[in-house]
Amino acid sequence: MRLPLAVSLAGVLVAAGCSDSGKAGKSDPPTAKAGGSTTPTATAAAAGFAREGWFGGADGLHARLQITGVERQGAKSVLKYSVTSLDQAPKSVPLEIALVDPVGGKLYKPTATTSGEQFAPGATRQMQAEYPAVPQTVQKLTAITPGTAGEYTGIPVTGTGDSPAAGSGTSGGNPVELYDITEGEIKDVTSSGTDVTMNLRTDVLFAFNSAKLSGRAKAVLDEAAQEIKAKADPDKRPLSFDGHTDSKGSDSYNLKLSRQRAEAVMGEMKKRLGNAFKYSAHGKGESELIAKEGGKDDAQARARNRRVEISYVVRQQTDGTTGSSTAAAGGRGGTTAPAAFRAQDGNTVASRYGRFGADKRRLDVKPFYRDGAYLVCVFTITDEGPGTTPPNANYAHKDYPGGAFTSFSVLAQGGKDVYRAVRVGPGDPGKPAAYVDPGRATFVTAANQPQRGFVYVPAPPGDITSVVFDGGPFGKVLNVPVS
């Protein structure tokens, strides 16, 4: 089934995104203009949670979407909502809504296609969508709509139902695990509630063309061993050590060097972890590059590709989760409840612009906020012309294809770790994947029409009150408040 977060992945990769951007810069905050706006208006009345926006695709349905709630019904959960068309003519659009558990780190996909055929102007259609059983411990979910109305946080879950089926949340299952992606100077980490992959930079561990561990390696491996002891389940699959190189050198040489480095790291970790774990080491050479080489950031990309990956299964807690707050992995973000529904985004914090061919687009950054273990980055993008926005324009990062806004990221104040868009499910290096975003970046193509976007990223550690936002082709904003 097509994920609502990945509407037309092939179309999303059109080169009208960040690849054609020029110099980023600052601009004055926008002023209000007469006429319609693609920035959603919102209400949270007793009857439900409502926002107005554009849905389904470029120049899709202009409508008000109101959510009543999620109800458990036996072996399934049902989302109840209504759609009121504000368009001038009947329209048919894809309108699949995903549900995110921001505490448990899972995304629920609809179990059947919800019809979006022929929404009549001015008419309200009562609708519902079915999902797998949501655990009784989950009290609130976030609905991710494919449109400028975006995320509906704080949707209540009521009723009683059956326990979720065993094995849900695994690869190819429903719900799907959400994966945090963090890039650092010494290591990159991709993690979910069930498994972790830690990429240790071999430039830190080894000298050039060497498989002998350097003096700096001890502290790095000590820290990695402590993390594995605290989190890994020794009764599951073996700890996996996979060596990787960049694309320089012959295939045979790279394969041999990567294997030797993986074995060297595995040997040191055995000394620290003992016989409680099983171990496995492999050399992959240059066969699984995670960063695209050959661009203006070639040196940085090659450094990310030179790595030893340590993968393990997370030990599950026996006391479970309440669904009302979360202690994020590794203490990240402290303990934070799911966000309440937000009627307004707040005033523009800062504006930046980027050149895309002959056109100038403006990024207006709104205050960010916490939703469980995640940070929700909110913004509007306006094409100031002189042309229109291509229907499949997007802001995907070359190393994270498939997402609408994967070139956007967050850094903690004074920190160097980069927090990337949250991925839906396990991914393959360089392959398109779905992320927690609206599914596409462009819902209106006309010039001077602001359209709201958002992207979920892992919340940095601690009780943060502001972050640095990297808007990709638009540039950075240094002090974005976080509520």
Protein backbone atom coordinates (compact mmCIF):
# COMPACT_ATOMS: atom_id res chain seq x y z
CA MET A 1 0.00 0.00 0.00
CA ARG A 2 1.19 3.48 -0.77
CA LEU A 3 2.24 5.33 2.36
CA PRO A 4 0.54 8.70 2.79
CA LEU A 5 3.89 10.15 3.75
CA ALA A 6 5.45 9.14 0.46
CA VAL A 7 3.03 10.39 -2.14
CA SER A 8 4.54 9.60 -5.53
CA LEU A 9 8.13 9.06 -4.40
CA ALA A 10 9.38 9.05 -7.96
CA GLY A 11 7.73 12.40 -8.63
CA VAL A 12 9.13 13.89 -5.47
CA LEU A 13 12.66 13.47 -6.80
CA VAL A 14 12.29 15.95 -9.67
CA ALA A 15 15.28 18.29 -9.85
CA ALA A 16 13.18 21.33 -9.04
CA GLY A 17 14.16 20.96 -5.40
CA CYS A 18 17.26 22.10 -3.62
CA SER A 19 19.63 20.98 -6.35
CA ASP A 20 18.95 24.10 -8.44
CA SER A 21 19.18 26.55 -5.56
CA GLY A 22 21.58 29.46 -5.61
CA LYS A 23 22.77 31.70 -2.83
CA ALA A 24 20.66 31.68 0.31
CA GLY A 25 19.92 34.90 2.12
CA LYS A 26 17.72 36.82 4.51
CA SER A 27 14.55 38.73 3.78
CA ASP A 28 12.02 40.72 5.76
CA PRO A 29 9.15 38.82 7.40
CA PRO A 30 6.07 38.68 5.14
CA THR A 31 3.07 40.94 5.53
CA ALA A 32 -0.52 39.76 5.37
CA LYS A 33 -2.12 39.90 1.93
CA ALA A 34 -5.71 39.87 0.81
CA GLY A 35 -7.22 36.74 -0.66
CA GLY A 36 -6.86 33.07 0.09
CA SER A 37 -3.88 31.55 1.87
CA THR A 38 -2.49 28.04 1.98
CA THR A 39 -1.43 28.55 5.59
CA PRO A 40 -4.07 26.60 7.56
CA THR A 41 -6.57 28.14 9.86
CA ALA A 42 -7.45 25.91 12.79
CA THR A 43 -10.03 25.35 15.49
CA ALA A 44 -10.35 22.86 18.31
CA ALA A 45 -14.02 22.75 19.19
CA ALA A 46 -15.92 20.18 21.19
CA ALA A 47 -16.87 18.42 17.97
CA GLY A 48 -13.28 17.88 16.89
CA PHE A 49 -10.05 19.36 15.58
CA ALA A 50 -10.30 21.35 12.33
CA ARG A 51 -7.94 23.01 9.87
CA GLU A 52 -8.27 24.46 6.42
CA GLY A 53 -5.73 23.75 3.70
CA TRP A 54 -4.91 22.16 0.35
CA PHE A 55 -4.81 18.38 0.18
CA GLY A 56 -3.81 15.46 -2.01
CA GLY A 57 -1.41 16.92 -4.57
CA ALA A 58 -0.27 20.05 -6.38
CA ASP A 59 -3.32 22.33 -6.82
CA GLY A 60 -5.41 19.63 -5.18
CA LEU A 61 -8.50 19.97 -3.00
CA HIS A 62 -9.07 23.16 -1.01
CA ALA A 63 -10.98 21.96 2.03
CA ARG A 64 -11.56 22.03 5.76
CA LEU A 65 -10.65 18.74 7.39
CA GLN A 66 -12.02 18.10 10.88
CA ILE A 67 -11.00 15.13 13.02
CA THR A 68 -13.26 13.83 15.78
CA GLY A 69 -10.94 11.20 17.27
CA VAL A 70 -9.70 7.62 17.14
CA GLU A 71 -11.88 4.84 18.55
CA ARG A 72 -10.77 1.29 19.35
CA GLN A 73 -13.17 -1.29 17.93
CA GLY A 74 -12.10 -4.85 18.65
CA ALA A 75 -9.19 -5.82 16.40
CA LYS A 76 -9.06 -2.43 14.70
CA SER A 77 -8.95 1.29 15.45
CA VAL A 78 -11.06 3.79 13.52
CA LEU A 79 -10.24 7.43 12.74
CA LYS A 80 -13.39 9.53 12.32
CA TYR A 81 -13.23 12.80 10.41
CA SER A 82 -15.07 14.97 7.92
CA VAL A 83 -14.05 16.89 4.80
CA THR A 84 -15.79 20.05 3.62
CA SER A 85 -14.83 21.14 0.11
CA LEU A 86 -14.06 24.83 -0.30
CA ASP A 87 -13.34 24.43 -4.00
CA GLN A 88 -15.34 25.76 -6.92
CA ALA A 89 -15.75 22.44 -8.73
CA PRO A 90 -15.87 18.73 -7.81
CA LYS A 91 -12.44 17.23 -7.23
CA SER A 92 -10.98 13.79 -6.55
CA VAL A 93 -7.74 13.53 -4.57
CA PRO A 94 -5.82 10.85 -2.63
CA LEU A 95 -6.57 11.48 1.04
CA GLU A 96 -4.84 8.84 3.15
CA ILE A 97 -4.02 9.80 6.73
CA ALA A 98 -1.29 8.19 8.82
CA LEU A 99 -1.36 8.04 12.63
CA VAL A 100 1.85 8.60 14.61
CA ASP A 101 2.44 7.49 18.19
CA PRO A 102 5.00 10.13 19.28
CA VAL A 103 5.68 8.26 22.51
CA GLY A 104 6.06 4.71 21.18
CA GLY A 105 7.78 5.81 17.96
CA LYS A 106 5.41 4.05 15.55
CA LEU A 107 3.37 4.99 12.50
CA TYR A 108 0.02 3.33 11.75
CA LYS A 109 -0.99 3.01 8.09
CA PRO A 110 -4.61 2.71 6.94
CA THR A 111 -5.55 -0.92 6.30
CA ALA A 112 -7.75 -0.02 3.31
CA THR A 113 -7.92 2.74 0.71
CA THR A 114 -10.10 5.67 1.74
CA SER A 115 -12.06 7.11 -1.18
CA GLY A 116 -11.36 10.70 -2.11
CA GLU A 117 -13.62 10.72 -5.14
CA GLN A 118 -15.62 13.75 -6.25
CA PHE A 119 -15.74 16.07 -3.27
CA ALA A 120 -18.62 18.42 -4.12
CA PRO A 121 -18.21 22.18 -3.53
CA GLY A 122 -19.67 23.29 -0.20
CA ALA A 123 -20.60 19.76 0.83
CA THR A 124 -19.38 18.00 3.98
CA ARG A 125 -18.54 14.31 3.75
CA GLN A 126 -18.33 12.18 6.89
CA MET A 127 -15.42 9.76 6.57
CA GLN A 128 -13.51 7.15 8.52
CA ALA A 129 -10.34 5.12 8.09
CA GLU A 130 -9.36 1.83 9.72
CA TYR A 131 -6.00 0.96 11.28
CA PRO A 132 -4.50 -1.92 13.27
CA ALA A 133 -5.36 -2.13 16.95
CA VAL A 134 -3.82 0.70 19.00
CA PRO A 135 -2.64 -0.43 22.46
CA GLN A 136 -4.77 0.56 25.46
CA THR A 137 -1.77 2.39 26.91
CA VAL A 138 -1.76 4.89 24.02
CA GLN A 139 -3.92 7.87 24.93
CA LYS A 140 -3.13 10.33 22.13
CA LEU A 141 -1.97 10.10 18.53
CA THR A 142 -0.91 12.56 15.85
CA ALA A 143 -2.71 12.44 12.50
CA ILE A 144 -0.48 13.21 9.50
CA THR A 145 -2.55 14.59 6.64
CA PRO A 146 -1.29 14.86 3.04
CA GLY A 147 -1.67 18.60 2.74
CA THR A 148 -0.86 22.06 4.05
CA ALA A 149 -2.96 21.47 7.18
CA GLY A 150 -0.20 19.06 8.12
CA GLU A 151 -0.04 17.39 11.51
CA TYR A 152 -3.03 17.18 13.89
CA THR A 153 -1.43 16.56 17.28
CA GLY A 154 -3.21 15.48 20.44
CA ILE A 155 -5.96 13.38 18.84
CA PRO A 156 -7.62 11.37 21.65
CA VAL A 157 -7.85 7.57 21.48
CA THR A 158 -10.93 6.13 23.20
CA GLY A 159 -12.74 2.81 23.59
CA THR A 160 -11.45 -0.68 24.26
CA GLY A 161 -10.08 -3.19 21.82
CA ASP A 162 -7.98 -6.27 21.28
CA SER A 163 -4.26 -6.38 21.97
CA PRO A 164 -2.07 -5.61 18.95
CA ALA A 165 -1.00 -8.62 16.93
CA ALA A 166 2.37 -10.13 17.77
CA GLY A 167 5.18 -8.98 15.49
CA SER A 168 3.64 -5.63 14.64
CA GLY A 169 6.15 -2.86 14.13
CA THR A 170 8.62 -5.13 12.36
CA SER A 171 9.92 -4.61 8.83
CA GLY A 172 7.01 -4.57 6.39
CA GLY A 173 4.50 -4.61 9.24
CA ASN A 174 1.84 -2.23 10.45
CA PRO A 175 2.49 -0.23 12.58
CA VAL A 176 5.92 0.71 11.27
CA GLU A 177 8.86 1.68 13.48
CA LEU A 178 10.08 5.29 13.25
CA TYR A 179 13.85 5.78 12.94
CA ASP A 180 15.84 8.70 14.37
CA ILE A 181 18.84 9.81 12.31
CA THR A 182 21.67 11.73 13.97
CA GLU A 183 24.95 12.67 12.30
CA GLY A 184 28.02 13.49 14.43
CA GLU A 185 31.72 14.14 13.99
CA ILE A 186 32.70 10.76 15.44
CA LYS A 187 29.63 8.64 14.76
CA ASP A 188 26.26 8.61 13.04
CA VAL A 189 23.38 6.80 14.72
CA THR A 190 20.15 5.47 13.23
CA SER A 191 17.82 4.11 15.88
CA SER A 192 14.28 2.92 16.54
CA GLY A 193 12.62 1.32 19.53
CA THR A 194 13.81 -2.10 18.35
CA ASP A 195 17.23 -1.73 16.74
CA VAL A 196 20.22 0.59 16.51
CA THR A 197 22.95 1.08 13.92
CA MET A 198 26.01 3.01 15.07
CA ASN A 199 28.41 4.18 12.34
CA LEU A 200 31.85 4.82 13.81
CA ARG A 201 34.04 7.00 11.58
CA THR A 202 37.17 5.08 10.62
CA ASP A 203 39.10 8.35 10.25
CA VAL A 204 38.89 8.51 14.05
CA LEU A 205 39.57 4.80 14.64
CA PHE A 206 42.40 4.14 12.14
CA ALA A 207 45.24 5.81 10.30
CA PHE A 208 45.02 6.14 6.52
CA ASN A 209 44.99 2.74 4.76
CA SER A 210 45.53 0.99 8.10
CA ALA A 211 43.56 -1.59 10.07
CA LYS A 212 45.51 -0.87 13.28
CA LEU A 213 43.42 1.00 15.84
CA SER A 214 44.68 4.47 16.70
CA GLY A 215 45.22 6.01 20.12
CA ARG A 216 41.97 7.96 19.75
CA ALA A 217 39.99 4.75 19.23
CA LYS A 218 40.03 3.66 22.88
CA ALA A 219 37.73 6.41 24.16
CA VAL A 220 35.35 5.96 21.22
CA LEU A 221 35.12 2.21 21.71
CA ASP A 222 34.76 2.58 25.49
CA GLU A 223 31.74 4.83 24.98
CA ALA A 224 30.25 2.48 22.37
CA ALA A 225 30.66 -0.50 24.70
CA GLN A 226 28.90 1.32 27.53
CA GLU A 227 25.96 2.10 25.26
CA ILE A 228 25.72 -1.50 24.04
CA LYS A 229 25.81 -2.84 27.61
CA ALA A 230 23.00 -0.49 28.59
CA LYS A 231 20.72 -1.02 25.60
CA ALA A 232 21.50 -4.19 23.61
CA ASP A 233 19.70 -7.51 24.08
CA PRO A 234 22.31 -10.31 24.18
CA ASP A 235 19.61 -12.94 23.61
CA LYS A 236 18.72 -11.62 20.17
CA ARG A 237 20.79 -11.62 17.00
CA PRO A 238 24.60 -11.30 17.26
CA LEU A 239 26.27 -7.91 17.45
CA SER A 240 27.11 -7.13 13.84
CA PHE A 241 30.31 -5.34 12.80
CA ASP A 242 30.36 -4.27 9.13
CA GLY A 243 33.34 -2.43 7.65
CA HIS A 244 32.87 0.07 4.82
CA THR A 245 35.15 2.23 2.68
CA ASP A 246 34.67 5.10 0.26
CA SER A 247 34.84 4.54 -3.51
CA LYS A 248 38.56 5.28 -3.92
CA GLY A 249 40.81 2.28 -4.54
CA SER A 250 40.16 -1.11 -6.08
CA ASP A 251 37.20 -3.25 -5.09
CA SER A 252 39.43 -6.06 -3.82
CA TYR A 253 41.58 -3.74 -1.72
CA ASN A 254 38.58 -1.96 -0.21
CA LEU A 255 36.86 -5.25 0.58
CA LYS A 256 39.95 -6.58 2.40
CA LEU A 257 40.57 -3.34 4.32
CA SER A 258 36.94 -3.04 5.40
CA ARG A 259 36.93 -6.63 6.68
CA GLN A 260 40.17 -6.15 8.61
CA ARG A 261 38.84 -2.99 10.22
CA ALA A 262 35.55 -4.66 11.17
CA GLU A 263 37.45 -7.54 12.77
CA ALA A 264 39.73 -5.14 14.65
CA VAL A 265 36.77 -3.28 16.16
CA MET A 266 34.99 -6.55 16.95
CA GLY A 267 38.07 -7.85 18.77
CA GLU A 268 38.26 -4.77 20.98
CA MET A 269 34.55 -4.87 21.74
CA LYS A 270 34.81 -8.54 22.77
CA LYS A 271 37.37 -7.49 25.39
CA ARG A 272 34.91 -4.92 26.75
CA LEU A 273 31.67 -6.88 26.51
CA GLY A 274 32.78 -10.46 27.17
CA ASN A 275 30.93 -13.65 26.30
CA ALA A 276 27.42 -12.42 27.05
CA PHE A 277 27.05 -11.47 23.36
CA LYS A 278 27.55 -13.29 20.07
CA TYR A 279 29.61 -11.50 17.43
CA SER A 280 29.75 -11.30 13.65
CA ALA A 281 32.12 -9.30 11.40
CA HIS A 282 31.97 -8.62 7.66
CA GLY A 283 33.68 -6.42 5.09
CA LYS A 284 31.45 -4.57 2.61
CA GLY A 285 34.05 -2.45 0.82
CA GLU A 286 32.43 0.34 -1.17
CA SER A 287 29.21 -1.58 -1.92
CA GLU A 288 26.98 0.36 0.51
CA LEU A 289 27.77 4.07 0.35
CA ILE A 290 25.55 6.17 2.63
CA ALA A 291 26.67 9.54 1.26
CA LYS A 292 26.79 10.55 -2.40
CA GLU A 293 30.36 11.31 -3.46
CA GLY A 294 31.57 13.68 -6.14
CA GLY A 295 29.76 16.87 -5.13
CA LYS A 296 30.99 20.07 -3.53
CA ASP A 297 30.97 18.24 -0.18
CA ASP A 298 32.96 15.29 -1.53
CA ALA A 299 35.45 15.16 1.36
CA GLN A 300 32.67 15.12 3.94
CA ALA A 301 30.74 12.47 2.00
CA ARG A 302 33.77 10.19 1.74
CA ALA A 303 34.45 10.58 5.47
CA ARG A 304 30.88 9.44 6.25
CA ASN A 305 31.26 6.44 3.95
CA ARG A 306 34.46 5.29 5.70
CA ARG A 307 32.95 3.62 8.72
CA VAL A 308 32.47 0.53 10.85
CA GLU A 309 28.79 -0.15 11.50
CA ILE A 310 27.80 -1.76 14.77
CA SER A 311 24.20 -3.02 14.78
CA TYR A 312 22.24 -4.50 17.66
CA VAL A 313 18.72 -5.26 18.88
CA VAL A 314 17.39 -3.07 21.69
CA ARG A 315 16.50 -4.77 24.96
CA GLN A 316 12.79 -4.21 25.58
CA GLN A 317 11.64 -2.77 28.89
CA THR A 318 9.33 -5.02 30.89
CA ASP A 319 7.34 -2.22 32.53
CA GLY A 320 5.99 -0.93 29.22
CA THR A 321 4.98 2.63 28.43
CA THR A 322 1.99 4.64 29.54
CA GLY A 323 1.48 6.35 26.22
CA SER A 324 1.22 9.70 27.99
CA SER A 325 4.90 10.61 28.12
CA THR A 326 8.19 9.30 26.85
CA ALA A 327 11.71 8.87 28.10
CA ALA A 328 13.46 9.02 24.76
CA ALA A 329 16.25 6.64 23.78
CA GLY A 330 19.50 7.46 25.48
CA GLY A 331 17.80 10.06 27.63
CA ARG A 332 17.22 12.20 24.53
CA GLY A 333 14.73 14.94 25.20
CA GLY A 334 13.92 13.96 28.79
CA THR A 335 10.32 12.97 29.48
CA THR A 336 7.80 14.74 27.27
CA ALA A 337 4.09 14.15 26.66
CA PRO A 338 2.43 14.18 23.24
CA ALA A 339 1.61 17.69 22.08
CA ALA A 340 -1.88 19.13 22.40
CA PHE A 341 -3.66 20.25 19.24
CA ARG A 342 -2.28 23.60 18.12
CA ALA A 343 -4.75 26.12 16.73
CA GLN A 344 -2.07 28.53 15.51
CA ASP A 345 1.55 28.19 14.39
CA GLY A 346 2.77 31.43 15.95
CA ASN A 347 4.41 34.45 14.36
CA THR A 348 7.28 34.19 11.91
CA VAL A 349 10.63 33.92 13.72
CA ALA A 350 12.85 34.64 10.73
CA SER A 351 12.77 34.59 6.94
CA ARG A 352 15.32 33.26 4.48
CA TYR A 353 15.27 32.93 0.72
CA GLY A 354 16.83 30.80 -1.96
CA ARG A 355 17.14 31.02 -5.72
CA PHE A 356 15.64 28.21 -7.80
CA GLY A 357 16.43 28.95 -11.40
CA ALA A 358 14.93 32.38 -12.13
CA ASP A 359 12.55 32.20 -9.17
CA LYS A 360 13.06 33.33 -5.60
CA ARG A 361 11.36 31.38 -2.82
CA ARG A 362 11.00 32.59 0.75
CA LEU A 363 11.14 30.38 3.83
CA ASP A 364 9.28 31.78 6.85
CA VAL A 365 10.23 29.85 10.00
CA LYS A 366 7.62 29.50 12.75
CA PRO A 367 8.24 28.52 16.39
CA PHE A 368 8.97 24.78 16.75
CA TYR A 369 7.41 22.53 19.37
CA ARG A 370 7.78 19.12 21.02
CA ASP A 371 5.50 16.19 20.24
CA GLY A 372 6.61 13.32 22.46
CA ALA A 373 10.14 12.26 21.54
CA TYR A 374 10.21 14.52 18.49
CA LEU A 375 10.67 18.13 17.50
CA VAL A 376 8.18 19.48 14.97
CA CYS A 377 9.76 22.00 12.59
CA VAL A 378 7.08 24.29 11.14
CA PHE A 379 7.46 26.79 8.30
CA THR A 380 5.84 28.23 5.20
CA ILE A 381 7.42 28.50 1.75
CA THR A 382 6.34 31.16 -0.75
CA ASP A 383 7.41 31.34 -4.37
CA GLU A 384 7.86 35.05 -5.08
CA GLY A 385 8.11 34.44 -8.84
CA PRO A 386 8.42 35.50 -11.49
CA GLY A 387 7.29 31.99 -12.44
CA THR A 388 5.23 29.35 -10.67
CA THR A 389 6.37 26.47 -8.48
CA PRO A 390 6.86 23.16 -10.34
CA PRO A 391 4.26 20.63 -9.13
CA ASN A 392 6.95 18.22 -7.88
CA ALA A 393 9.32 20.78 -6.38
CA ASN A 394 10.84 19.44 -3.18
CA TYR A 395 13.70 19.99 -0.73
CA ALA A 396 15.15 16.50 -0.44
CA HIS A 397 18.75 15.88 0.61
CA LYS A 398 20.80 13.87 -1.87
CA ASP A 399 21.65 11.30 0.81
CA TYR A 400 18.04 10.99 2.01
CA PRO A 401 15.86 10.78 -1.11
CA GLY A 402 12.11 10.35 -0.89
CA GLY A 403 11.29 12.95 1.73
CA ALA A 404 9.81 16.37 1.05
CA PHE A 405 12.13 18.26 3.43
CA THR A 406 15.11 16.00 4.22
CA SER A 407 17.59 18.81 3.41
CA PHE A 408 16.24 20.55 6.52
CA SER A 409 17.80 19.66 9.89
CA VAL A 410 18.30 20.86 13.46
CA LEU A 411 21.31 21.39 15.74
CA ALA A 412 21.24 22.02 19.48
CA GLN A 413 22.58 25.41 20.53
CA GLY A 414 26.38 25.09 20.73
CA GLY A 415 26.23 21.48 19.52
CA LYS A 416 27.63 19.77 16.44
CA ASP A 417 25.30 16.77 16.07
CA VAL A 418 22.83 17.10 13.18
CA TYR A 419 19.28 15.83 13.74
CA ARG A 420 17.72 14.70 10.47
CA ALA A 421 14.13 13.98 9.40
CA VAL A 422 12.52 10.98 11.12
CA ARG A 423 12.33 8.05 8.72
CA VAL A 424 9.38 5.68 8.43
CA GLY A 425 10.67 2.12 8.66
CA PRO A 426 14.11 0.63 7.92
CA GLY A 427 15.85 2.00 4.85
CA ASP A 428 18.51 1.06 2.32
CA PRO A 429 21.43 3.46 1.69
CA GLY A 430 20.69 5.79 -1.20
CA LYS A 431 17.19 4.40 -1.78
CA PRO A 432 14.02 6.54 -1.50
CA ALA A 433 12.20 6.22 1.82
CA ALA A 434 9.23 7.84 3.54
CA TYR A 435 9.69 10.41 6.31
CA VAL A 436 7.37 12.08 8.80
CA ASP A 437 6.33 15.05 6.67
CA PRO A 438 3.30 15.91 4.48
CA GLY A 439 4.45 13.52 1.74
CA ARG A 440 5.27 16.30 -0.72
CA ALA A 441 6.43 19.92 -0.55
CA THR A 442 4.16 21.50 -3.17
CA PHE A 443 0.39 21.67 -2.85
CA VAL A 444 -0.15 25.01 -4.64
CA THR A 445 1.84 26.13 -7.68
CA ALA A 446 0.74 29.79 -7.97
CA ALA A 447 3.22 32.53 -7.11
CA ASN A 448 2.92 34.48 -3.86
CA GLN A 449 0.85 31.80 -2.14
CA PRO A 450 2.47 30.72 1.16
CA GLN A 451 2.14 27.00 1.78
CA ARG A 452 2.73 25.44 5.14
CA GLY A 453 5.16 22.58 5.63
CA PHE A 454 6.53 20.60 8.54
CA VAL A 455 9.02 17.86 9.29
CA TYR A 456 9.63 15.76 12.40
CA VAL A 457 13.21 15.41 13.68
CA PRO A 458 14.55 13.71 16.83
CA ALA A 459 14.49 16.08 19.79
CA PRO A 460 18.02 16.93 20.98
CA PRO A 461 18.90 15.94 24.55
CA GLY A 462 17.75 18.00 27.50
CA ASP A 463 14.97 20.49 28.00
CA ILE A 464 15.83 22.68 25.05
CA THR A 465 14.21 26.08 24.57
CA SER A 466 15.73 26.96 21.20
CA VAL A 467 17.62 25.30 18.33
CA VAL A 468 19.57 26.13 15.20
CA PHE A 469 17.51 25.32 12.10
CA ASP A 470 19.30 24.48 8.86
CA GLY A 471 16.89 25.24 6.04
CA GLY A 472 19.00 23.53 3.38
CA PRO A 473 18.99 25.72 0.25
CA PHE A 474 17.55 28.62 2.26
CA GLY A 475 20.31 28.79 4.88
CA LYS A 476 20.35 28.71 8.69
CA VAL A 477 18.27 30.35 11.41
CA LEU A 478 20.26 30.49 14.66
CA ASN A 479 17.64 30.88 17.37
CA VAL A 480 14.31 29.17 16.72
CA PRO A 481 12.23 28.97 19.93
CA VAL A 482 10.93 25.56 21.03
CA SER A 483 7.80 25.12 23.14
